[in-house]
Amino acid sequence: QVQLVESGGGLVQPGGSLRLSCAASGIFFSIYAMGWYRQAPGKQRELVASITSYDSTRYADSVKGRFTISRDNAKNTVYLQMNNVKPEDTAVYYCNANRAANDYWGQGTQVTVSS
């Protein structure tokens, strides 16, 4: 059974930092591309950042220079370091694992940026 479990969300002030984690089980983690997506109320889910099995990364323009995605294959975990957060970063953040036709999602973790 495949499980992706996100953690690390919460309330943070504008300009602050937060680190999200996603622990995977039930998949051969190192061969999967991993991604973080987010969905704000009334908006479509969007890609925030992704990292391939060979550590190539890409980011949404809105988070470039502020967020960093990384992975630890020994721990089957992907991270999203969020720095200098803004109110518009408020959303539910979802972890995704993808390889060919296999596509898995976590349950999401809420991030709220507010003073």
Protein backbone atom coordinates (compact mmCIF):
# COMPACT_ATOMS: atom_id res chain seq x y z
CA GLN A 1 0.00 0.00 0.00
CA VAL A 2 1.41 3.35 -1.06
CA GLN A 3 1.38 6.15 1.49
CA LEU A 4 2.57 9.73 1.25
CA VAL A 5 2.36 11.54 4.57
CA GLU A 6 2.94 15.29 4.67
CA SER A 7 3.91 17.18 7.80
CA GLY A 8 5.23 20.57 8.82
CA GLY A 9 2.35 22.82 7.85
CA GLY A 10 0.91 25.46 10.12
CA LEU A 11 0.56 29.16 10.72
CA VAL A 12 3.52 31.39 9.87
CA GLN A 13 3.94 35.14 9.68
CA PRO A 14 4.79 36.89 6.41
CA GLY A 15 8.52 36.79 5.85
CA GLY A 16 8.90 33.69 7.97
CA SER A 17 10.02 30.17 7.11
CA LEU A 18 8.51 26.72 7.16
CA ARG A 19 9.74 23.29 6.12
CA LEU A 20 7.34 20.70 4.79
CA SER A 21 8.19 17.01 4.77
CA CYS A 22 6.64 14.12 2.88
CA ALA A 23 7.46 10.59 3.97
CA ALA A 24 6.77 7.91 1.39
CA SER A 25 6.20 4.20 1.86
CA GLY A 26 5.17 1.38 -0.43
CA ILE A 27 7.14 2.66 -3.43
CA PHE A 28 10.72 2.37 -4.64
CA PHE A 29 11.21 6.00 -3.67
CA SER A 30 14.51 6.75 -5.40
CA ILE A 31 13.16 6.13 -8.91
CA TYR A 32 10.12 8.38 -8.52
CA ALA A 33 9.85 12.01 -9.44
CA MET A 34 8.49 13.90 -6.45
CA GLY A 35 6.55 17.11 -6.40
CA TRP A 36 4.83 19.61 -4.18
CA TYR A 37 1.54 21.09 -5.32
CA ARG A 38 -0.78 23.54 -3.63
CA GLN A 39 -4.40 24.48 -3.81
CA ALA A 40 -5.82 27.70 -2.44
CA PRO A 41 -9.56 28.16 -1.82
CA GLY A 42 -11.39 28.68 -5.10
CA LYS A 43 -8.31 27.99 -7.19
CA GLN A 44 -6.96 25.06 -9.16
CA ARG A 45 -4.20 22.87 -7.81
CA GLU A 46 -0.84 24.09 -9.11
CA LEU A 47 2.69 22.78 -9.20
CA VAL A 48 4.99 24.47 -6.69
CA ALA A 49 8.19 22.50 -7.17
CA SER A 50 9.37 19.14 -8.43
CA ILE A 51 12.51 17.02 -8.29
CA THR A 52 13.38 14.12 -10.53
CA SER A 53 15.05 10.86 -9.60
CA TYR A 54 18.36 12.39 -10.70
CA ASP A 55 17.79 15.58 -8.64
CA SER A 56 16.81 17.93 -11.43
CA THR A 57 14.48 20.57 -10.00
CA ARG A 58 11.98 23.07 -11.30
CA TYR A 59 9.87 25.71 -9.63
CA ALA A 60 6.81 27.81 -10.21
CA ASP A 61 7.81 31.38 -11.06
CA SER A 62 5.97 32.62 -7.97
CA VAL A 63 8.28 30.71 -5.59
CA LYS A 64 11.63 30.85 -7.38
CA GLY A 65 14.34 32.13 -5.07
CA ARG A 66 12.19 31.54 -1.97
CA PHE A 67 11.39 27.81 -1.92
CA THR A 68 13.76 24.86 -2.22
CA ILE A 69 12.80 21.26 -2.89
CA SER A 70 15.13 18.44 -1.86
CA ARG A 71 15.01 14.71 -1.31
CA ASP A 72 16.66 12.17 0.97
CA ASN A 73 16.43 8.76 -0.66
CA ALA A 74 17.81 7.06 2.44
CA LYS A 75 14.80 8.37 4.40
CA ASN A 76 12.25 8.10 1.57
CA THR A 77 11.43 11.73 2.21
CA VAL A 78 11.04 14.87 0.12
CA TYR A 79 11.19 18.34 1.63
CA LEU A 80 10.03 21.80 0.74
CA GLN A 81 11.90 24.60 2.45
CA MET A 82 9.77 27.73 2.31
CA ASN A 83 11.49 31.04 3.06
CA ASN A 84 10.20 34.60 2.96
CA VAL A 85 6.64 33.34 2.76
CA LYS A 86 3.84 35.60 1.60
CA PRO A 87 0.09 35.63 2.29
CA GLU A 88 -0.47 34.37 -1.26
CA ASP A 89 1.40 31.18 -0.32
CA THR A 90 -1.56 30.22 1.87
CA ALA A 91 -2.93 26.90 0.60
CA VAL A 92 -3.16 23.20 1.22
CA TYR A 93 0.14 21.68 0.09
CA TYR A 94 0.14 18.20 -1.42
CA CYS A 95 2.96 15.78 -2.01
CA ASN A 96 3.02 13.82 -5.27
CA ALA A 97 4.99 10.80 -6.44
CA ASN A 98 5.06 10.04 -10.14
CA ARG A 99 6.63 7.46 -12.39
CA ALA A 100 5.11 6.60 -15.76
CA ALA A 101 1.48 5.60 -15.16
CA ASN A 102 1.90 5.52 -11.38
CA ASP A 103 0.73 8.70 -9.69
CA TYR A 104 0.21 9.02 -5.95
CA TRP A 105 -0.93 11.85 -3.67
CA GLY A 106 -0.72 12.65 0.00
CA GLN A 107 -3.60 13.94 2.06
CA GLY A 108 -2.27 17.51 2.19
CA THR A 109 -1.07 19.87 4.87
CA GLN A 110 -2.41 23.36 5.48
CA VAL A 111 -0.06 26.33 5.30
CA THR A 112 -1.44 29.67 6.42
CA VAL A 113 0.60 32.85 6.09
CA SER A 114 -0.85 35.61 8.21
CA SER A 115 0.14 38.19 10.77
